[in-house]
C-alpha atoms as a PDB file:
ATOM      1  CA  UNK A   1     101.520 229.390 134.024  1.00  0.00           C
ATOM      2  CA  UNK A   2      98.058 229.628 135.509  1.00  0.00           C
ATOM      3  CA  UNK A   3      96.799 226.041 135.387  1.00  0.00           C
ATOM      4  CA  UNK A   4      93.392 226.881 136.838  1.00  0.00           C
ATOM      5  CA  UNK A   5      92.125 228.911 133.880  1.00  0.00           C
ATOM      6  CA  UNK A   6      91.389 225.845 131.753  1.00  0.00           C
ATOM      7  CA  UNK A   7      87.996 224.157 132.254  1.00  0.00           C
ATOM      8  CA  UNK A   8      88.244 220.688 133.768  1.00  0.00           C
ATOM      9  CA  UNK A   9      86.177 219.015 130.975  1.00  0.00           C
ATOM     10  CA  UNK A  10      88.558 220.403 128.338  1.00  0.00           C
ATOM     11  CA  UNK A  11      91.628 219.106 130.153  1.00  0.00           C
ATOM     12  CA  UNK A  12      89.922 215.755 130.779  1.00  0.00           C
ATOM     13  CA  UNK A  13      89.368 215.464 127.005  1.00  0.00           C
ATOM     14  CA  UNK A  14      93.005 216.336 126.295  1.00  0.00           C
ATOM     15  CA  UNK A  15      94.137 213.753 128.839  1.00  0.00           C
ATOM     16  CA  UNK A  16      91.846 211.118 127.291  1.00  0.00           C
ATOM     17  CA  UNK A  17      93.186 211.902 123.816  1.00  0.00           C
ATOM     18  CA  UNK A  18      96.784 211.691 125.009  1.00  0.00           C
ATOM     19  CA  UNK A  19      95.980 208.376 126.684  1.00  0.00           C
ATOM     20  CA  UNK A  20      95.003 207.006 123.278  1.00  0.00           C
ATOM     21  CA  UNK A  21      98.414 207.983 121.925  1.00  0.00           C
ATOM     22  CA  UNK A  22     100.673 207.120 124.830  1.00  0.00           C
ATOM     23  CA  UNK A  23      99.018 204.468 127.022  1.00  0.00           C
ATOM     24  CA  UNK A  24     101.516 201.793 125.951  1.00  0.00           C
ATOM     25  CA  UNK A  25     104.514 204.009 126.688  1.00  0.00           C
ATOM     26  CA  UNK A  26     106.303 202.894 129.878  1.00  0.00           C
ATOM     27  CA  UNK A  27     106.967 206.485 130.974  1.00  0.00           C
ATOM     28  CA  UNK A  28     103.280 207.385 130.465  1.00  0.00           C
ATOM     29  CA  UNK A  29     102.270 204.355 132.528  1.00  0.00           C
ATOM     30  CA  UNK A  30     104.624 205.431 135.305  1.00  0.00           C
ATOM     31  CA  UNK A  31     103.406 209.038 135.297  1.00  0.00           C
ATOM     32  CA  UNK A  32      99.759 207.964 135.068  1.00  0.00           C
ATOM     33  CA  UNK A  33     100.212 205.851 138.189  1.00  0.00           C
ATOM     34  CA  UNK A  34     101.643 208.636 140.334  1.00  0.00           C
ATOM     35  CA  UNK A  35      99.773 209.823 143.424  1.00  0.00           C
ATOM     36  CA  UNK A  36      96.617 211.666 142.433  1.00  0.00           C
ATOM     37  CA  UNK A  37      96.556 210.089 138.945  1.00  0.00           C
ATOM     38  CA  UNK A  38      97.872 213.303 137.320  1.00  0.00           C
ATOM     39  CA  UNK A  39      97.125 212.159 133.776  1.00  0.00           C
ATOM     40  CA  UNK A  40      93.488 211.402 134.524  1.00  0.00           C
ATOM     41  CA  UNK A  41      92.430 214.138 136.922  1.00  0.00           C
ATOM     42  CA  UNK A  42      91.144 216.829 134.559  1.00  0.00           C
ATOM     43  CA  UNK A  43      93.775 219.278 135.822  1.00  0.00           C
ATOM     44  CA  UNK A  44      96.445 220.896 133.673  1.00  0.00           C
ATOM     45  CA  UNK A  45      99.236 220.382 136.148  1.00  0.00           C
ATOM     46  CA  UNK A  46     102.946 219.945 135.498  1.00  0.00           C
ATOM     47  CA  UNK A  47     102.677 216.263 134.491  1.00  0.00           C
ATOM     48  CA  UNK A  48      99.928 216.833 131.933  1.00  0.00           C
ATOM     49  CA  UNK A  49     101.750 219.942 130.720  1.00  0.00           C
ATOM     50  CA  UNK A  50     104.961 217.960 130.171  1.00  0.00           C
ATOM     51  CA  UNK A  51     103.065 215.387 128.090  1.00  0.00           C
ATOM     52  CA  UNK A  52     101.428 218.127 126.049  1.00  0.00           C
ATOM     53  CA  UNK A  53     104.896 219.510 125.334  1.00  0.00           C
ATOM     54  CA  UNK A  54     106.075 216.048 124.314  1.00  0.00           C
ATOM     55  CA  UNK A  55     103.111 215.755 121.962  1.00  0.00           C
ATOM     56  CA  UNK A  56     103.784 219.146 120.380  1.00  0.00           C
ATOM     57  CA  UNK A  57     107.449 218.299 119.941  1.00  0.00           C
ATOM     58  CA  UNK A  58     106.666 214.898 118.409  1.00  0.00           C
ATOM     59  CA  UNK A  59     104.065 216.227 116.013  1.00  0.00           C
ATOM     60  CA  UNK A  60     105.586 219.602 115.208  1.00  0.00           C
ATOM     61  CA  UNK A  61     104.655 221.078 111.877  1.00  0.00           C
ATOM     62  CA  UNK A  62     107.293 222.897 109.950  1.00  0.00           C
ATOM     63  CA  UNK A  63     106.388 225.555 107.430  1.00  0.00           C
ATOM     64  CA  UNK A  64     108.395 225.499 104.221  1.00  0.00           C
ATOM     65  CA  UNK A  65     108.767 229.013 102.949  1.00  0.00           C
ATOM     66  CA  UNK A  66     110.204 228.157  99.545  1.00  0.00           C
ATOM     67  CA  UNK A  67     113.356 230.182 100.083  1.00  0.00           C
END
């Protein structure tokens, strides 16, 4: 995955939004405190990416086809 193709302001907004959802989570707090503050740096690196995946998994939408 090419992390550099996403504009920093967009990723900063995503990180800020995820903060609102997860800031009380102990794992979020741990990851947010890692060297370089990877959940507040405006970079879509592996830590932010893993939290985005967690979000998508937690809030997955399932389409009912009526079959």
